[in-house]
N, C-alpha and C. Protein backbone atom coordinates (compact mmCIF):
# COMPACT_ATOMS: atom_id res chain seq x y z
N UNK A 1 82.13 121.23 132.03
CA UNK A 1 81.54 121.29 130.70
C UNK A 1 82.56 120.88 129.63
N UNK A 2 83.80 121.36 129.75
CA UNK A 2 84.83 121.00 128.78
C UNK A 2 85.11 119.51 128.82
N UNK A 3 85.06 118.95 130.02
CA UNK A 3 85.31 117.51 130.16
C UNK A 3 84.23 116.71 129.44
N UNK A 4 82.99 117.14 129.53
CA UNK A 4 81.88 116.45 128.88
C UNK A 4 82.00 116.54 127.35
N UNK A 5 82.38 117.69 126.85
CA UNK A 5 82.56 117.88 125.40
C UNK A 5 83.71 117.00 124.92
N UNK A 6 84.82 116.97 125.68
CA UNK A 6 85.95 116.14 125.31
C UNK A 6 85.56 114.67 125.31
N UNK A 7 84.76 114.27 126.30
CA UNK A 7 84.31 112.88 126.40
C UNK A 7 83.47 112.48 125.19
N UNK A 8 82.50 113.30 124.81
CA UNK A 8 81.65 112.97 123.67
C UNK A 8 82.42 113.08 122.35
N UNK A 9 83.39 113.97 122.29
CA UNK A 9 84.24 114.04 121.10
C UNK A 9 85.05 112.76 120.95
N UNK A 10 85.59 112.26 122.04
CA UNK A 10 86.36 111.02 122.01
C UNK A 10 85.48 109.84 121.62
N UNK A 11 84.26 109.80 122.12
CA UNK A 11 83.32 108.73 121.74
C UNK A 11 82.99 108.83 120.26
N UNK A 12 82.80 110.05 119.75
CA UNK A 12 82.48 110.23 118.32
C UNK A 12 83.65 109.76 117.44
N UNK A 13 84.87 110.11 117.83
CA UNK A 13 86.04 109.69 117.05
C UNK A 13 86.19 108.17 117.10
N UNK A 14 86.01 107.57 118.28
CA UNK A 14 86.07 106.11 118.39
C UNK A 14 84.99 105.44 117.55
N UNK A 15 83.81 106.04 117.50
CA UNK A 15 82.71 105.47 116.70
C UNK A 15 83.04 105.50 115.22
N UNK A 16 83.58 106.61 114.75
CA UNK A 16 83.97 106.72 113.34
C UNK A 16 85.07 105.71 113.01
N UNK A 17 86.03 105.60 113.89
CA UNK A 17 87.11 104.61 113.68
C UNK A 17 86.55 103.20 113.65
N UNK A 18 85.64 102.89 114.55
CA UNK A 18 85.02 101.56 114.58
C UNK A 18 84.32 101.25 113.27
N UNK A 19 83.56 102.20 112.77
CA UNK A 19 82.81 102.00 111.52
C UNK A 19 83.78 101.78 110.35
N UNK A 20 84.80 102.60 110.25
CA UNK A 20 85.76 102.48 109.14
C UNK A 20 86.53 101.17 109.21
N UNK A 21 87.02 100.83 110.40
CA UNK A 21 87.80 99.59 110.55
C UNK A 21 86.93 98.37 110.27
N UNK A 22 85.71 98.36 110.78
CA UNK A 22 84.84 97.21 110.53
C UNK A 22 84.44 97.11 109.06
N UNK A 23 84.26 98.25 108.40
CA UNK A 23 83.96 98.22 106.97
C UNK A 23 85.13 97.62 106.19
N UNK A 24 86.35 98.02 106.54
CA UNK A 24 87.53 97.46 105.88
C UNK A 24 87.67 95.97 106.16
N UNK A 25 87.43 95.56 107.39
CA UNK A 25 87.52 94.13 107.72
C UNK A 25 86.44 93.32 106.99
N UNK A 26 85.25 93.89 106.87
CA UNK A 26 84.19 93.20 106.12
C UNK A 26 84.57 93.04 104.65
N UNK A 27 85.15 94.08 104.09
CA UNK A 27 85.58 93.99 102.69
C UNK A 27 86.64 92.92 102.51
N UNK A 28 87.59 92.86 103.42
CA UNK A 28 88.62 91.83 103.32
C UNK A 28 88.03 90.44 103.51
N UNK A 29 87.10 90.30 104.45
CA UNK A 29 86.47 88.99 104.66
C UNK A 29 85.70 88.56 103.42
N UNK A 30 84.97 89.49 102.81
CA UNK A 30 84.22 89.14 101.60
C UNK A 30 85.14 88.87 100.42
N UNK A 31 86.25 89.58 100.35
CA UNK A 31 87.21 89.35 99.27
C UNK A 31 87.86 87.97 99.40
N UNK A 32 88.09 87.54 100.62
CA UNK A 32 88.77 86.27 100.87
C UNK A 32 87.80 85.17 101.32
N UNK A 33 86.55 85.24 100.91
CA UNK A 33 85.54 84.30 101.41
C UNK A 33 85.83 82.84 101.04
N UNK A 34 86.65 82.61 100.04
CA UNK A 34 87.01 81.23 99.66
C UNK A 34 88.39 80.84 100.15
N UNK A 35 88.97 81.63 101.02
CA UNK A 35 90.31 81.38 101.53
C UNK A 35 90.22 81.19 103.04
N UNK A 36 91.19 80.51 103.62
CA UNK A 36 91.15 80.27 105.06
C UNK A 36 91.34 81.56 105.87
N UNK A 37 91.90 82.60 105.27
CA UNK A 37 92.06 83.88 105.97
C UNK A 37 90.74 84.57 106.28
N UNK A 38 89.67 84.11 105.64
CA UNK A 38 88.33 84.63 105.91
C UNK A 38 88.03 84.57 107.40
N UNK A 39 88.39 83.48 108.03
CA UNK A 39 88.12 83.28 109.45
C UNK A 39 88.82 84.36 110.27
N UNK A 40 90.04 84.70 109.92
CA UNK A 40 90.80 85.71 110.64
C UNK A 40 90.12 87.08 110.56
N UNK A 41 89.72 87.49 109.38
CA UNK A 41 89.09 88.80 109.23
C UNK A 41 87.69 88.82 109.85
N UNK A 42 86.96 87.74 109.75
CA UNK A 42 85.63 87.68 110.35
C UNK A 42 85.73 87.74 111.87
N UNK A 43 86.67 87.01 112.45
CA UNK A 43 86.86 87.03 113.90
C UNK A 43 87.36 88.40 114.36
N UNK A 44 88.16 89.06 113.54
CA UNK A 44 88.67 90.38 113.90
C UNK A 44 87.55 91.40 114.03
N UNK A 45 86.49 91.25 113.24
CA UNK A 45 85.35 92.14 113.36
C UNK A 45 84.73 92.06 114.75
N UNK A 46 84.61 90.86 115.28
CA UNK A 46 84.05 90.70 116.63
C UNK A 46 85.00 91.23 117.69
N UNK A 47 86.30 91.07 117.48
CA UNK A 47 87.28 91.58 118.42
C UNK A 47 87.22 93.10 118.48
N UNK A 48 87.13 93.75 117.31
CA UNK A 48 87.03 95.21 117.25
C UNK A 48 85.74 95.67 117.92
N UNK A 49 84.65 94.94 117.70
CA UNK A 49 83.38 95.30 118.32
C UNK A 49 83.47 95.21 119.85
N UNK A 50 84.11 94.18 120.36
CA UNK A 50 84.27 94.04 121.80
C UNK A 50 85.12 95.15 122.39
N UNK A 51 86.19 95.50 121.72
CA UNK A 51 87.03 96.61 122.19
C UNK A 51 86.28 97.94 122.16
N UNK A 52 85.49 98.15 121.11
CA UNK A 52 84.71 99.38 121.02
C UNK A 52 83.68 99.44 122.15
N UNK A 53 83.01 98.34 122.42
CA UNK A 53 82.01 98.31 123.48
C UNK A 53 82.67 98.58 124.84
N UNK A 54 83.82 97.96 125.08
CA UNK A 54 84.52 98.15 126.35
C UNK A 54 84.94 99.61 126.52
N UNK A 55 85.47 100.20 125.44
CA UNK A 55 85.92 101.60 125.52
C UNK A 55 84.75 102.55 125.74
N UNK A 56 83.63 102.34 125.06
CA UNK A 56 82.48 103.22 125.26
C UNK A 56 81.86 103.02 126.64
N UNK A 57 81.93 101.81 127.18
CA UNK A 57 81.47 101.58 128.56
C UNK A 57 82.33 102.37 129.54
N UNK A 58 83.63 102.35 129.34
CA UNK A 58 84.54 103.09 130.22
C UNK A 58 84.31 104.60 130.11
N UNK A 59 84.11 105.09 128.90
CA UNK A 59 83.95 106.53 128.71
C UNK A 59 82.59 107.03 129.19
N UNK A 60 81.53 106.32 128.83
CA UNK A 60 80.19 106.79 129.18
C UNK A 60 79.76 106.36 130.57
N UNK A 61 80.39 105.32 131.11
CA UNK A 61 80.05 104.76 132.41
C UNK A 61 78.59 104.31 132.47
N UNK A 62 78.08 103.88 131.30
CA UNK A 62 76.70 103.43 131.19
C UNK A 62 76.64 102.34 130.13
N UNK A 63 76.25 101.13 130.55
CA UNK A 63 76.22 100.00 129.62
C UNK A 63 75.12 100.15 128.57
N UNK A 64 74.02 100.81 128.94
CA UNK A 64 72.92 100.98 127.98
C UNK A 64 73.34 101.91 126.85
N UNK A 65 73.98 103.01 127.19
CA UNK A 65 74.47 103.94 126.16
C UNK A 65 75.51 103.25 125.29
N UNK A 66 76.42 102.51 125.92
CA UNK A 66 77.46 101.80 125.16
C UNK A 66 76.83 100.77 124.22
N UNK A 67 75.86 100.02 124.71
CA UNK A 67 75.18 99.03 123.86
C UNK A 67 74.44 99.69 122.71
N UNK A 68 73.79 100.81 122.99
CA UNK A 68 73.09 101.54 121.93
C UNK A 68 74.04 102.06 120.87
N UNK A 69 75.20 102.55 121.32
CA UNK A 69 76.20 103.02 120.35
C UNK A 69 76.74 101.89 119.50
N UNK A 70 76.97 100.73 120.11
CA UNK A 70 77.45 99.58 119.34
C UNK A 70 76.42 99.18 118.29
N UNK A 71 75.16 99.12 118.69
CA UNK A 71 74.09 98.75 117.75
C UNK A 71 73.98 99.78 116.63
N UNK A 72 74.03 101.07 116.98
CA UNK A 72 73.93 102.12 115.98
C UNK A 72 75.11 102.07 114.99
N UNK A 73 76.32 101.94 115.52
CA UNK A 73 77.50 101.89 114.64
C UNK A 73 77.51 100.62 113.79
N UNK A 74 77.05 99.50 114.36
CA UNK A 74 76.97 98.27 113.58
C UNK A 74 75.96 98.42 112.45
N UNK A 75 74.83 99.07 112.73
CA UNK A 75 73.83 99.30 111.68
C UNK A 75 74.39 100.20 110.58
N UNK A 76 75.15 101.22 110.95
CA UNK A 76 75.77 102.09 109.95
C UNK A 76 76.78 101.29 109.12
N UNK A 77 77.56 100.45 109.79
CA UNK A 77 78.54 99.60 109.10
C UNK A 77 77.85 98.68 108.10
N UNK A 78 76.79 98.02 108.51
CA UNK A 78 76.05 97.13 107.60
C UNK A 78 75.42 97.94 106.47
N UNK A 79 74.93 99.14 106.77
CA UNK A 79 74.39 100.01 105.73
C UNK A 79 75.43 100.38 104.70
N UNK A 80 76.65 100.66 105.15
CA UNK A 80 77.74 100.96 104.21
C UNK A 80 78.03 99.77 103.31
N UNK A 81 78.08 98.59 103.90
CA UNK A 81 78.35 97.39 103.10
C UNK A 81 77.22 97.14 102.11
N UNK A 82 75.99 97.37 102.53
CA UNK A 82 74.84 97.09 101.67
C UNK A 82 74.67 98.15 100.58
N UNK A 83 74.72 99.44 100.97
CA UNK A 83 74.42 100.50 100.00
C UNK A 83 75.63 100.93 99.18
N UNK A 84 76.79 101.04 99.80
CA UNK A 84 77.99 101.44 99.05
C UNK A 84 78.59 100.23 98.36
N UNK A 85 78.55 99.11 99.03
CA UNK A 85 79.04 97.88 98.43
C UNK A 85 80.38 97.49 98.99
N UNK A 86 80.91 96.49 98.40
CA UNK A 86 82.19 95.96 98.84
C UNK A 86 83.22 96.15 97.74
N UNK A 87 84.45 96.00 98.11
CA UNK A 87 85.55 96.10 97.15
C UNK A 87 85.53 94.83 96.31
N UNK A 88 85.59 94.99 95.02
CA UNK A 88 85.58 93.85 94.12
C UNK A 88 86.98 93.70 93.54
N UNK A 89 87.48 92.50 93.58
CA UNK A 89 88.81 92.27 93.04
C UNK A 89 89.26 90.84 93.29
N UNK A 90 90.49 90.59 92.95
CA UNK A 90 91.09 89.28 93.15
C UNK A 90 92.33 89.44 94.01
N UNK A 91 92.65 88.37 94.71
CA UNK A 91 93.88 88.34 95.47
C UNK A 91 95.01 88.04 94.49
N UNK A 92 95.98 88.93 94.43
CA UNK A 92 97.09 88.79 93.51
C UNK A 92 98.36 88.64 94.33
N UNK A 93 99.13 87.57 94.09
CA UNK A 93 100.38 87.41 94.85
C UNK A 93 101.41 88.46 94.46
N UNK A 94 102.37 88.70 95.34
CA UNK A 94 103.41 89.68 95.06
C UNK A 94 104.31 89.22 93.92
N UNK A 95 104.59 87.94 93.89
CA UNK A 95 105.44 87.39 92.81
C UNK A 95 104.62 86.46 91.94
N UNK A 96 104.98 86.43 90.70
CA UNK A 96 104.27 85.53 89.79
C UNK A 96 105.12 84.36 89.42
C-alpha cells in the first residue's frame, strides 16, 4: 500500500512539474516568437512532453494511463496559457 501511495505521489509531482515547465517554455516561445530562439523553446516543449510520457509509462506500467495523463496535463497547460495568459514584455540585452 505504501508503495502505491509513493508511486501516485511521484506521478503527481512529475505532473505538476511538467505543467509548470511547459507553461514557462510556452511563455518564452511566445515572448521570442520573432526570434530564431523560438524554435528552441518550441522544440523543448515536445522534448519535455516525451520525457514526461516515458516517465509515467515506467511508473504506471500502463500506456493508456500514461497517455491519459499526458493529455490531461497538456489540457491544463493550454488552459493556463489561455486563461491566465502569457508573460508580456520585451527581450532586453544585458548591456546597452
